[in-house]
C-alpha atoms as a PDB file:
ATOM      1  CA  MET A   1       0.067   0.048  -0.245  1.00  0.00           C
ATOM      2  CA  SER A   2       1.813   3.662  -1.012  1.00  0.00           C
ATOM      3  CA  LEU A   3       0.789   6.732   0.329  1.00  0.00           C
ATOM      4  CA  PRO A   4      -0.663   9.617  -1.611  1.00  0.00           C
ATOM      5  CA  PRO A   5       2.314  11.876  -3.008  1.00  0.00           C
ATOM      6  CA  LEU A   6       1.136  14.576  -0.602  1.00  0.00           C
ATOM      7  CA  THR A   7       1.229  12.386   2.494  1.00  0.00           C
ATOM      8  CA  ALA A   8       4.203  10.730   1.531  1.00  0.00           C
ATOM      9  CA  ARG A   9       5.793  14.315   1.497  1.00  0.00           C
ATOM     10  CA  ARG A  10       4.434  15.604   4.847  1.00  0.00           C
ATOM     11  CA  ALA A  11       5.637  11.909   6.500  1.00  0.00           C
ATOM     12  CA  ALA A  12       9.182  12.141   5.068  1.00  0.00           C
ATOM     13  CA  ASN A  13       9.384  15.495   6.595  1.00  0.00           C
ATOM     14  CA  LEU A  14       7.934  15.025  10.028  1.00  0.00           C
ATOM     15  CA  PHE A  15      10.035  11.577  10.091  1.00  0.00           C
ATOM     16  CA  SER A  16      13.068  13.885   9.105  1.00  0.00           C
ATOM     17  CA  ASP A  17      13.628  15.857  11.788  1.00  0.00           C
ATOM     18  CA  GLU A  18      15.532  14.670  14.859  1.00  0.00           C
ATOM     19  CA  SER A  19      15.840  18.272  16.458  1.00  0.00           C
ATOM     20  CA  GLY A  20      15.840  17.425  20.229  1.00  0.00           C
ATOM     21  CA  ALA A  21      15.999  13.690  19.861  1.00  0.00           C
ATOM     22  CA  ALA A  22      19.660  14.122  21.946  1.00  0.00           C
ATOM     23  CA  THR A  23      18.132  15.872  24.277  1.00  0.00           C
ATOM     24  CA  ALA A  24      15.592  13.504  25.304  1.00  0.00           C
ATOM     25  CA  GLU A  25      18.303  10.592  25.158  1.00  0.00           C
ATOM     26  CA  TYR A  26      20.154  12.659  27.362  1.00  0.00           C
ATOM     27  CA  ALA A  27      17.091  13.451  29.623  1.00  0.00           C
ATOM     28  CA  ILE A  28      16.242   9.258  30.039  1.00  0.00           C
ATOM     29  CA  ALA A  29      19.679   8.489  30.416  1.00  0.00           C
ATOM     30  CA  THR A  30      20.224  11.134  33.296  1.00  0.00           C
ATOM     31  CA  MET A  31      16.924   9.728  34.996  1.00  0.00           C
ATOM     32  CA  ALA A  32      18.428   6.215  34.537  1.00  0.00           C
ATOM     33  CA  ALA A  33      21.716   7.037  36.486  1.00  0.00           C
ATOM     34  CA  VAL A  34      19.550   9.305  39.430  1.00  0.00           C
ATOM     35  CA  ALA A  35      17.509   5.870  39.587  1.00  0.00           C
ATOM     36  CA  PHE A  36      20.512   3.783  39.453  1.00  0.00           C
ATOM     37  CA  ALA A  37      22.378   6.142  42.229  1.00  0.00           C
ATOM     38  CA  GLY A  38      19.084   6.022  44.216  1.00  0.00           C
ATOM     39  CA  LEU A  39      19.336   2.264  44.406  1.00  0.00           C
ATOM     40  CA  LEU A  40      22.761   2.305  45.047  1.00  0.00           C
ATOM     41  CA  VAL A  41      22.210   4.694  48.738  1.00  0.00           C
ATOM     42  CA  VAL A  42      19.400   2.447  49.969  1.00  0.00           C
ATOM     43  CA  ILE A  43      21.955  -0.707  49.498  1.00  0.00           C
ATOM     44  CA  MET A  44      24.666   0.828  50.771  1.00  0.00           C
ATOM     45  CA  ARG A  45      22.554   1.980  53.839  1.00  0.00           C
ATOM     46  CA  SER A  46      22.430  -2.009  54.964  1.00  0.00           C
ATOM     47  CA  ASP A  47      24.261  -2.687  57.629  1.00  0.00           C
ATOM     48  CA  GLU A  48      24.808  -5.900  56.314  1.00  0.00           C
ATOM     49  CA  VAL A  49      26.406  -4.341  52.829  1.00  0.00           C
ATOM     50  CA  ARG A  50      28.461  -1.769  55.157  1.00  0.00           C
ATOM     51  CA  GLY A  51      29.903  -4.789  56.695  1.00  0.00           C
ATOM     52  CA  ILE A  52      31.041  -6.802  53.796  1.00  0.00           C
ATOM     53  CA  LEU A  53      32.736  -3.831  52.706  1.00  0.00           C
ATOM     54  CA  THR A  54      34.631  -2.788  55.937  1.00  0.00           C
ATOM     55  CA  ASP A  55      35.631  -6.295  55.770  1.00  0.00           C
ATOM     56  CA  LEU A  56      36.909  -6.553  52.314  1.00  0.00           C
ATOM     57  CA  VAL A  57      38.821  -2.746  52.871  1.00  0.00           C
ATOM     58  CA  ARG A  58      40.199  -4.446  55.953  1.00  0.00           C
ATOM     59  CA  ARG A  59      41.602  -7.819  54.110  1.00  0.00           C
ATOM     60  CA  ALA A  60      42.850  -5.539  51.484  1.00  0.00           C
ATOM     61  CA  LEU A  61      44.931  -3.343  53.594  1.00  0.00           C
ATOM     62  CA  THR A  62      46.016  -5.883  55.499  1.00  0.00           C
ATOM     63  CA  VAL A  63      49.704  -7.108  54.853  1.00  0.00           C
ATOM     64  CA  ALA A  64      50.478 -10.585  55.365  1.00  0.00           C
END
């Protein structure tokens, strides 16, 4: 099924304009980064995780 020439031309103009696409991509990536950072904050506040990381750092800094 083909579109009439006028409709095809309008569709081509509509879909060829990508102004603002990069800005939207940056906004989505920023929102994902903020959500991930929030998740890390929640995880890092856990006493169990804090203990595991403290133990890991102690073992890494211990000279054997």
